Amino acid sequence: MKLRSLLYVPAHAERFLAKAHERGADAIILDLEDAVPEADKDAARNGLRESVKAVGRNGARVLVRINAGARRRADADAAKAAGASAIVLAKARLDELDDIALPVIAMLEDAASILDARAYAKHANVMGLLVGSEDLATSLGGEPTPEVLRFPKLLAHYAAKAEGKLSLGLLRSVADFKDLPAIEAAGREARAHGFDGATCVHPSVVPLLNVAFTPTAEEIAWAGRVIEAAKGGEGAFTVDGRMVDAPVITRARRILEA
């Protein structure tokens, strides 16, 4: 499953919905949660059948970020009825996962959920983990700087990978979307750690994420040389002056399969 870029779109904002399918994102996240004022939440939910179809018309997967608490069940049911492929569960709680009838990306947004990240990743309904940077920092009484976010995001990343689930995010907040060079560097950093993709709140970030989470031509060429050399059947050998053994061959195969 390729989810390099996941673009949040407020589910009540017609001007954003109208162009979402043109942005080139692998997935669109229709947001019923923080991006939607309370007064507009019911209308945004009721419009999901049309908005899911509209934003997915160019082939992007369509997910819906639902509210926690009292709205959760109705939001999830509406997303399923509208044809969404998955749920992004804001402020996720373990006891809220069982009755959601779609795959879930669980958003971990406080210290307790970070410490329980492995339990979230083990849940059968969970397809991936994502840390909500702003809410997490607020719950900690801190600031959403890369230094504050790095450790909890890596903890969630390790938990997801330990259970074979998707790990999404950059080691920084998505809210600062204007610093494109920093986002580009953060994308490369996240991929080096093994993250699968990341969310964004502005379409200008989408192409940066698509590039960051796609193997480069040089990486593909290197992987091809490794796989070709591996046909010799040796336990260990060298390619480009560096030792290659079983884990390196596995990494090369993954690059070619990406």
Protein backbone atom coordinates (compact mmCIF):
# COMPACT_ATOMS: atom_id res chain seq x y z
CA MET A 1 0.00 0.00 0.00
CA LYS A 2 1.54 3.30 -1.11
CA LEU A 3 0.65 6.22 1.13
CA ARG A 4 3.49 8.68 0.67
CA SER A 5 1.35 11.79 0.97
CA LEU A 6 -1.93 12.23 2.82
CA LEU A 7 -3.51 15.66 2.39
CA TYR A 8 -5.96 16.94 4.99
CA VAL A 9 -8.98 18.70 3.51
CA PRO A 10 -11.68 20.29 5.73
CA ALA A 11 -14.84 18.36 4.90
CA HIS A 12 -17.04 21.46 5.09
CA ALA A 13 -14.97 23.75 2.82
CA GLU A 14 -16.27 23.61 -0.74
CA ARG A 15 -13.38 25.60 -2.22
CA PHE A 16 -10.85 23.08 -0.89
CA LEU A 17 -12.96 20.06 -1.76
CA ALA A 18 -13.35 21.24 -5.36
CA LYS A 19 -9.62 21.02 -6.11
CA ALA A 20 -8.48 18.26 -3.77
CA HIS A 21 -8.45 15.66 -6.55
CA GLU A 22 -5.93 17.77 -8.52
CA ARG A 23 -3.24 17.87 -5.82
CA GLY A 24 -1.48 14.58 -6.60
CA ALA A 25 -1.73 13.15 -3.09
CA ASP A 26 -1.82 9.39 -2.63
CA ALA A 27 -4.64 9.92 -0.15
CA ILE A 28 -7.06 12.64 0.85
CA ILE A 29 -8.10 12.85 4.50
CA LEU A 30 -11.51 14.47 4.74
CA ASP A 31 -11.39 16.13 8.13
CA LEU A 32 -14.46 16.17 10.35
CA GLU A 33 -12.44 17.05 13.44
CA ASP A 34 -10.32 20.09 14.34
CA ALA A 35 -10.49 21.78 10.92
CA VAL A 36 -14.29 21.95 11.08
CA PRO A 37 -16.10 24.43 13.37
CA GLU A 38 -18.63 22.84 15.72
CA ALA A 39 -21.48 24.55 13.92
CA ASP A 40 -20.48 22.89 10.62
CA LYS A 41 -19.73 19.37 11.83
CA ASP A 42 -23.15 17.86 11.13
CA ALA A 43 -23.27 19.31 7.62
CA ALA A 44 -19.74 18.08 6.91
CA ARG A 45 -20.69 14.58 8.02
CA ASN A 46 -23.94 14.62 6.04
CA GLY A 47 -22.02 15.66 2.93
CA LEU A 48 -19.51 12.82 3.02
CA ARG A 49 -21.21 10.76 0.32
CA GLU A 50 -20.64 13.54 -2.22
CA SER A 51 -17.26 14.70 -0.92
CA VAL A 52 -15.71 11.22 -0.80
CA LYS A 53 -16.65 10.69 -4.43
CA ALA A 54 -15.44 14.15 -5.48
CA VAL A 55 -11.99 14.10 -3.90
CA GLY A 56 -11.26 10.54 -4.99
CA ARG A 57 -12.14 10.96 -8.65
CA ASN A 58 -8.49 10.86 -9.80
CA GLY A 59 -7.71 7.67 -7.91
CA ALA A 60 -6.54 8.93 -4.52
CA ARG A 61 -7.58 6.85 -1.55
CA VAL A 62 -10.08 8.68 0.61
CA LEU A 63 -9.89 8.54 4.39
CA VAL A 64 -12.02 10.39 6.93
CA ARG A 65 -10.69 11.83 10.17
CA ILE A 66 -13.47 11.44 12.69
CA ASN A 67 -14.11 13.07 16.02
CA ALA A 68 -13.47 11.31 19.30
CA GLY A 69 -16.19 11.01 21.93
CA ALA A 70 -19.90 11.43 21.27
CA ARG A 71 -19.57 12.00 17.52
CA ARG A 72 -17.26 9.05 16.89
CA ARG A 73 -19.80 6.34 16.05
CA ALA A 74 -21.97 8.49 13.76
CA ASP A 75 -18.88 9.88 12.00
CA ALA A 76 -17.47 6.38 11.44
CA ASP A 77 -20.79 5.02 10.17
CA ALA A 78 -21.18 7.93 7.77
CA ALA A 79 -17.63 7.47 6.46
CA LYS A 80 -18.27 3.79 5.77
CA ALA A 81 -21.59 4.49 4.06
CA ALA A 82 -19.91 7.13 1.89
CA GLY A 83 -17.30 4.68 0.62
CA ALA A 84 -14.21 5.87 2.51
CA SER A 85 -11.38 3.34 2.54
CA ALA A 86 -10.23 3.98 6.12
CA ILE A 87 -10.74 6.04 9.24
CA VAL A 88 -8.26 8.37 10.90
CA LEU A 89 -9.27 8.23 14.56
CA ALA A 90 -8.39 11.46 16.32
CA LYS A 91 -7.36 11.26 20.00
CA ALA A 92 -7.58 7.49 19.72
CA ARG A 93 -8.50 5.31 22.69
CA LEU A 94 -8.02 1.57 22.70
CA ASP A 95 -11.61 0.92 23.77
CA GLU A 96 -12.91 2.88 20.76
CA LEU A 97 -11.31 0.66 18.11
CA ASP A 98 -13.45 -2.48 18.31
CA ASP A 99 -16.67 -1.12 16.82
CA ILE A 100 -15.22 0.73 13.82
CA ALA A 101 -16.01 -1.21 10.65
CA LEU A 102 -13.15 0.20 8.56
CA PRO A 103 -9.35 0.01 8.87
CA VAL A 104 -8.07 2.64 11.28
CA ILE A 105 -5.07 4.93 11.41
CA ALA A 106 -4.86 5.65 15.12
CA MET A 107 -3.77 9.16 16.05
CA LEU A 108 -1.78 9.17 19.29
CA GLU A 109 -2.15 12.60 20.83
CA ASP A 110 -1.22 12.38 24.51
CA ALA A 111 1.43 10.81 26.71
CA ALA A 112 -0.74 7.82 27.67
CA SER A 113 -1.36 6.77 24.08
CA ILE A 114 2.33 7.16 23.21
CA LEU A 115 3.26 4.87 26.09
CA ASP A 116 0.61 2.38 24.90
CA ALA A 117 1.63 2.62 21.23
CA ARG A 118 2.45 -1.10 20.91
CA ALA A 119 -1.04 -2.00 22.15
CA TYR A 120 -2.58 0.24 19.49
CA ALA A 121 -0.39 -1.30 16.81
CA LYS A 122 -1.40 -4.81 17.88
CA HIS A 123 -5.11 -4.10 17.43
CA ALA A 124 -6.61 -5.96 14.49
CA ASN A 125 -8.50 -2.90 13.21
CA VAL A 126 -5.41 -0.68 13.17
CA MET A 127 -3.59 -0.33 9.84
CA GLY A 128 -1.15 2.34 11.01
CA LEU A 129 -0.09 4.86 13.64
CA LEU A 130 0.25 8.63 13.43
CA VAL A 131 1.25 11.07 16.16
CA GLY A 132 -0.79 14.27 16.43
CA SER A 133 1.99 16.76 17.01
CA GLU A 134 0.09 19.81 18.18
CA ASP A 135 -2.25 17.98 20.54
CA LEU A 136 0.60 15.90 21.94
CA ALA A 137 2.72 18.95 22.69
CA THR A 138 -0.25 20.71 24.27
CA SER A 139 -1.05 17.70 26.46
CA LEU A 140 2.56 17.65 27.64
CA GLY A 141 2.55 21.35 28.41
CA GLY A 142 5.30 21.73 25.84
CA GLU A 143 5.99 23.22 22.43
CA PRO A 144 5.71 21.25 19.15
CA THR A 145 9.38 21.66 18.23
CA PRO A 146 11.29 18.91 16.43
CA GLU A 147 13.24 18.26 19.63
CA VAL A 148 10.07 17.71 21.67
CA LEU A 149 8.39 15.57 19.00
CA ARG A 150 11.30 13.38 17.93
CA PHE A 151 11.28 10.87 20.79
CA PRO A 152 7.52 10.21 21.00
CA LYS A 153 7.23 9.98 17.22
CA LEU A 154 10.03 7.43 17.10
CA LEU A 155 8.39 5.43 19.89
CA ALA A 156 5.18 5.25 17.86
CA HIS A 157 7.19 4.41 14.75
CA TYR A 158 8.93 1.50 16.47
CA ALA A 159 5.60 0.21 17.75
CA ALA A 160 4.04 0.31 14.29
CA LYS A 161 6.98 -1.43 12.66
CA ALA A 162 7.12 -4.07 15.38
CA GLU A 163 3.59 -5.10 14.39
CA GLY A 164 3.99 -4.71 10.64
CA LYS A 165 1.72 -1.66 10.46
CA LEU A 166 2.09 1.62 8.58
CA SER A 167 4.07 4.35 10.29
CA LEU A 168 3.19 7.86 9.15
CA GLY A 169 4.67 11.23 9.95
CA LEU A 170 7.64 13.55 9.95
CA LEU A 171 9.79 14.24 13.00
CA ARG A 172 8.27 17.72 13.17
CA SER A 173 4.82 19.30 13.18
CA VAL A 174 2.72 19.55 10.00
CA ALA A 175 1.43 22.97 11.09
CA ASP A 176 4.53 24.85 9.86
CA PHE A 177 3.83 24.23 6.18
CA LYS A 178 5.60 27.26 4.69
CA ASP A 179 9.17 26.15 5.41
CA LEU A 180 9.42 23.91 2.37
CA PRO A 181 13.20 23.27 2.56
CA ALA A 182 12.79 22.08 6.16
CA ILE A 183 9.87 19.84 5.16
CA GLU A 184 11.89 18.41 2.28
CA ALA A 185 14.75 17.58 4.65
CA ALA A 186 12.32 16.14 7.21
CA GLY A 187 10.83 13.89 4.55
CA ARG A 188 14.23 12.46 3.68
CA GLU A 189 14.97 12.00 7.38
CA ALA A 190 11.67 10.21 8.01
CA ARG A 191 12.20 7.84 5.10
CA ALA A 192 15.71 7.07 6.34
CA HIS A 193 14.10 5.97 9.61
CA GLY A 194 11.63 3.80 7.69
CA PHE A 195 8.46 5.89 7.87
CA ASP A 196 6.06 5.06 5.04
CA GLY A 197 4.67 8.54 4.35
CA ALA A 198 3.32 11.63 6.06
CA THR A 199 0.30 13.88 6.33
CA CYS A 200 0.21 17.52 5.28
CA VAL A 201 -2.20 20.43 5.55
CA HIS A 202 -1.25 22.33 2.40
CA PRO A 203 -1.07 21.11 -1.22
CA SER A 204 2.37 22.68 -1.74
CA VAL A 205 3.79 19.96 0.52
CA VAL A 206 2.34 17.03 -1.45
CA PRO A 207 5.04 16.84 -4.18
CA LEU A 208 7.77 17.10 -1.55
CA LEU A 209 6.38 14.09 0.29
CA ASN A 210 5.88 12.11 -2.91
CA VAL A 211 9.55 12.62 -3.78
CA ALA A 212 10.84 12.08 -0.24
CA PHE A 213 9.11 8.73 0.15
CA THR A 214 10.00 7.43 -3.32
CA PRO A 215 13.35 5.72 -3.99
CA THR A 216 15.72 7.86 -6.03
CA ALA A 217 17.11 6.76 -9.39
CA GLU A 218 20.46 6.20 -7.68
CA GLU A 219 18.88 3.98 -5.02
CA ILE A 220 17.05 1.95 -7.65
CA ALA A 221 20.24 1.48 -9.65
CA TRP A 222 22.12 0.41 -6.51
CA ALA A 223 19.39 -2.04 -5.57
CA GLY A 224 19.50 -3.52 -9.07
CA ARG A 225 23.25 -4.06 -8.77
CA VAL A 226 22.80 -5.73 -5.40
CA ILE A 227 20.11 -8.12 -6.64
CA GLU A 228 22.13 -8.97 -9.72
CA ALA A 229 25.24 -9.68 -7.65
CA ALA A 230 23.19 -11.78 -5.23
CA LYS A 231 22.45 -14.24 -8.03
CA GLY A 232 25.98 -15.56 -7.51
CA GLY A 233 24.78 -17.27 -4.35
CA GLU A 234 27.54 -16.01 -2.08
CA GLY A 235 26.69 -15.41 1.58
CA ALA A 236 28.40 -12.02 1.59
CA PHE A 237 29.92 -9.94 -1.19
CA THR A 238 30.69 -6.34 -2.06
CA VAL A 239 28.86 -3.80 -4.21
CA ASP A 240 30.26 -0.33 -4.75
CA GLY A 241 32.97 -1.07 -2.21
CA ARG A 242 30.56 -1.95 0.62
CA MET A 243 29.74 -5.32 2.14
CA VAL A 244 26.39 -6.85 1.22
CA ASP A 245 24.72 -9.66 3.13
CA ALA A 246 21.17 -10.88 3.79
CA PRO A 247 19.62 -7.73 5.39
CA VAL A 248 21.12 -5.51 2.69
CA ILE A 249 19.65 -7.75 0.00
CA THR A 250 16.25 -7.52 1.70
CA ARG A 251 16.53 -3.72 1.73
CA ALA A 252 17.41 -3.72 -1.97
CA ARG A 253 14.37 -5.85 -2.78
CA ARG A 254 12.12 -3.45 -0.88
CA ILE A 255 13.49 -0.51 -2.87
CA LEU A 256 12.71 -2.25 -6.14
CA GLU A 257 9.22 -3.16 -4.91
CA ALA A 258 8.37 0.37 -3.73
